[in-house]
N, C-alpha and C. Protein backbone atom coordinates (compact mmCIF):
# COMPACT_ATOMS: atom_id res chain seq x y z
N UNK A 1 142.92 -38.27 -53.85
CA UNK A 1 141.61 -37.65 -53.90
C UNK A 1 141.63 -36.40 -53.04
N UNK A 2 141.02 -35.34 -53.49
CA UNK A 2 140.99 -34.06 -52.78
C UNK A 2 139.93 -34.08 -51.68
N UNK A 3 140.14 -33.23 -50.68
CA UNK A 3 139.11 -33.02 -49.68
C UNK A 3 138.03 -32.14 -50.29
N UNK A 4 136.77 -32.31 -49.85
CA UNK A 4 135.73 -31.40 -50.34
C UNK A 4 136.12 -29.97 -50.01
N UNK A 5 135.87 -29.04 -50.91
CA UNK A 5 136.28 -27.67 -50.70
C UNK A 5 135.19 -26.76 -50.17
N UNK A 6 133.97 -27.25 -50.13
CA UNK A 6 132.89 -26.40 -49.65
C UNK A 6 131.67 -27.23 -49.28
N UNK A 7 130.79 -26.61 -48.56
CA UNK A 7 129.48 -27.18 -48.26
C UNK A 7 128.46 -26.17 -48.77
N UNK A 8 127.50 -26.62 -49.55
CA UNK A 8 126.52 -25.70 -50.11
C UNK A 8 125.11 -26.28 -49.98
N UNK A 9 124.21 -25.45 -49.53
CA UNK A 9 122.80 -25.82 -49.55
C UNK A 9 122.32 -25.66 -50.98
N UNK A 10 121.38 -26.46 -51.38
CA UNK A 10 120.88 -26.41 -52.75
C UNK A 10 119.40 -26.05 -52.74
N UNK A 11 118.95 -25.51 -53.85
CA UNK A 11 117.55 -25.13 -53.97
C UNK A 11 117.09 -25.35 -55.41
N UNK A 12 115.81 -25.54 -55.55
CA UNK A 12 115.19 -25.67 -56.87
C UNK A 12 114.11 -24.59 -56.95
N UNK A 13 114.18 -23.76 -57.96
CA UNK A 13 113.18 -22.71 -58.14
C UNK A 13 112.04 -23.24 -59.02
N UNK A 14 110.82 -22.91 -58.61
CA UNK A 14 109.64 -23.32 -59.37
C UNK A 14 108.77 -22.09 -59.56
N UNK A 15 108.33 -21.87 -60.78
CA UNK A 15 107.49 -20.72 -61.11
C UNK A 15 106.20 -20.75 -60.29
N UNK A 16 105.78 -19.58 -59.81
CA UNK A 16 104.51 -19.48 -59.08
C UNK A 16 103.39 -20.08 -59.91
N UNK A 17 102.50 -20.78 -59.23
CA UNK A 17 101.35 -21.38 -59.91
C UNK A 17 101.60 -22.78 -60.43
N UNK A 18 102.83 -23.24 -60.38
CA UNK A 18 103.17 -24.59 -60.84
C UNK A 18 103.13 -25.56 -59.65
N UNK A 19 101.99 -25.59 -58.98
CA UNK A 19 101.84 -26.37 -57.76
C UNK A 19 102.05 -27.86 -57.97
N UNK A 20 101.59 -28.38 -59.11
CA UNK A 20 101.78 -29.80 -59.40
C UNK A 20 103.26 -30.15 -59.55
N UNK A 21 104.00 -29.28 -60.22
CA UNK A 21 105.44 -29.50 -60.39
C UNK A 21 106.15 -29.43 -59.05
N UNK A 22 105.80 -28.44 -58.22
CA UNK A 22 106.41 -28.31 -56.91
C UNK A 22 106.13 -29.55 -56.05
N UNK A 23 104.89 -30.04 -56.08
CA UNK A 23 104.55 -31.23 -55.31
C UNK A 23 105.34 -32.44 -55.80
N UNK A 24 105.48 -32.58 -57.10
CA UNK A 24 106.25 -33.69 -57.68
C UNK A 24 107.71 -33.63 -57.23
N UNK A 25 108.31 -32.46 -57.31
CA UNK A 25 109.71 -32.30 -56.90
C UNK A 25 109.87 -32.63 -55.42
N UNK A 26 108.97 -32.12 -54.60
CA UNK A 26 109.06 -32.39 -53.16
C UNK A 26 108.89 -33.88 -52.85
N UNK A 27 108.01 -34.56 -53.56
CA UNK A 27 107.84 -36.01 -53.38
C UNK A 27 109.12 -36.75 -53.75
N UNK A 28 109.73 -36.36 -54.85
CA UNK A 28 110.98 -37.00 -55.27
C UNK A 28 112.07 -36.80 -54.22
N UNK A 29 112.20 -35.58 -53.73
CA UNK A 29 113.21 -35.30 -52.71
C UNK A 29 112.95 -36.13 -51.46
N UNK A 30 111.70 -36.19 -51.02
CA UNK A 30 111.36 -37.01 -49.85
C UNK A 30 111.73 -38.47 -50.05
N UNK A 31 111.46 -39.00 -51.24
CA UNK A 31 111.81 -40.39 -51.55
C UNK A 31 113.31 -40.60 -51.53
N UNK A 32 114.08 -39.64 -52.09
CA UNK A 32 115.54 -39.75 -52.12
C UNK A 32 116.11 -39.81 -50.71
N UNK A 33 115.57 -39.00 -49.81
CA UNK A 33 116.03 -39.04 -48.42
C UNK A 33 115.61 -40.36 -47.76
N UNK A 34 114.37 -40.78 -47.97
CA UNK A 34 113.84 -41.97 -47.29
C UNK A 34 114.53 -43.26 -47.71
N UNK A 35 114.86 -43.38 -48.99
CA UNK A 35 115.42 -44.66 -49.45
C UNK A 35 116.95 -44.69 -49.48
N UNK A 36 117.58 -43.59 -49.04
CA UNK A 36 119.04 -43.57 -48.97
C UNK A 36 119.73 -43.09 -50.23
N UNK A 37 118.97 -42.79 -51.28
CA UNK A 37 119.57 -42.32 -52.53
C UNK A 37 120.36 -41.04 -52.32
N UNK A 38 119.81 -40.11 -51.55
CA UNK A 38 120.49 -38.83 -51.31
C UNK A 38 121.86 -39.07 -50.68
N UNK A 39 121.91 -39.87 -49.62
CA UNK A 39 123.18 -40.13 -48.95
C UNK A 39 124.19 -40.81 -49.87
N UNK A 40 123.71 -41.74 -50.68
CA UNK A 40 124.59 -42.43 -51.62
C UNK A 40 125.18 -41.46 -52.62
N UNK A 41 124.35 -40.62 -53.21
CA UNK A 41 124.83 -39.64 -54.18
C UNK A 41 125.74 -38.61 -53.53
N UNK A 42 125.39 -38.16 -52.33
CA UNK A 42 126.23 -37.20 -51.61
C UNK A 42 127.64 -37.77 -51.41
N UNK A 43 127.69 -39.00 -50.92
CA UNK A 43 128.99 -39.62 -50.65
C UNK A 43 129.78 -39.83 -51.93
N UNK A 44 129.12 -40.26 -52.99
CA UNK A 44 129.82 -40.54 -54.24
C UNK A 44 130.35 -39.27 -54.91
N UNK A 45 129.54 -38.23 -54.98
CA UNK A 45 129.88 -37.06 -55.79
C UNK A 45 130.37 -35.85 -55.01
N UNK A 46 130.00 -35.72 -53.76
CA UNK A 46 130.33 -34.52 -53.01
C UNK A 46 131.36 -34.81 -51.91
N UNK A 47 131.08 -35.81 -51.10
CA UNK A 47 131.89 -36.07 -49.90
C UNK A 47 132.61 -37.40 -50.02
N UNK A 48 133.73 -37.40 -50.69
CA UNK A 48 134.48 -38.63 -50.92
C UNK A 48 135.01 -39.24 -49.63
N UNK A 49 135.04 -38.47 -48.53
CA UNK A 49 135.53 -39.02 -47.26
C UNK A 49 134.56 -40.04 -46.70
N UNK A 50 133.28 -39.98 -47.12
CA UNK A 50 132.28 -40.91 -46.62
C UNK A 50 131.73 -40.55 -45.25
N UNK A 51 132.10 -39.36 -44.74
CA UNK A 51 131.67 -38.97 -43.41
C UNK A 51 130.28 -38.34 -43.39
N UNK A 52 129.74 -37.95 -44.51
CA UNK A 52 128.38 -37.44 -44.58
C UNK A 52 128.29 -35.93 -44.59
N UNK A 53 127.09 -35.46 -44.88
CA UNK A 53 126.83 -34.03 -45.05
C UNK A 53 127.05 -33.26 -43.75
N UNK A 54 126.63 -33.81 -42.62
CA UNK A 54 126.77 -33.10 -41.35
C UNK A 54 128.25 -32.87 -41.02
N UNK A 55 129.08 -33.87 -41.28
CA UNK A 55 130.52 -33.73 -41.02
C UNK A 55 131.12 -32.65 -41.92
N UNK A 56 130.70 -32.59 -43.16
CA UNK A 56 131.20 -31.57 -44.08
C UNK A 56 130.79 -30.18 -43.62
N UNK A 57 129.55 -30.04 -43.16
CA UNK A 57 129.07 -28.74 -42.67
C UNK A 57 129.84 -28.33 -41.42
N UNK A 58 130.10 -29.26 -40.52
CA UNK A 58 130.84 -28.96 -39.30
C UNK A 58 132.26 -28.55 -39.63
N UNK A 59 132.88 -29.24 -40.58
CA UNK A 59 134.23 -28.89 -40.99
C UNK A 59 134.28 -27.49 -41.59
N UNK A 60 133.29 -27.15 -42.41
CA UNK A 60 133.24 -25.80 -42.99
C UNK A 60 133.09 -24.75 -41.89
N UNK A 61 132.27 -25.03 -40.87
CA UNK A 61 132.06 -24.10 -39.77
C UNK A 61 133.36 -23.88 -39.00
N UNK A 62 134.12 -24.96 -38.78
CA UNK A 62 135.39 -24.84 -38.08
C UNK A 62 136.38 -24.02 -38.89
N UNK A 63 136.41 -24.22 -40.18
CA UNK A 63 137.32 -23.50 -41.06
C UNK A 63 137.00 -22.01 -41.09
N UNK A 64 135.72 -21.68 -40.99
CA UNK A 64 135.29 -20.29 -41.07
C UNK A 64 135.64 -19.50 -39.81
N UNK A 65 135.88 -20.19 -38.70
CA UNK A 65 136.16 -19.51 -37.44
C UNK A 65 137.52 -18.90 -37.39
């Protein structure tokens, strides 16, 4: 298995005036963080080492120096 090659922040764009959609997306994201879904998906698909997002970001920062 390969080491992760990058750390990337993600964003979702929502058209101005679509306040209901933005609120729905934010609620979903909050739920994913609260119930552990985000961490599970991150570990499965992004960070196969299982060390978590913070470790990946720290590793990227060290590599950039």
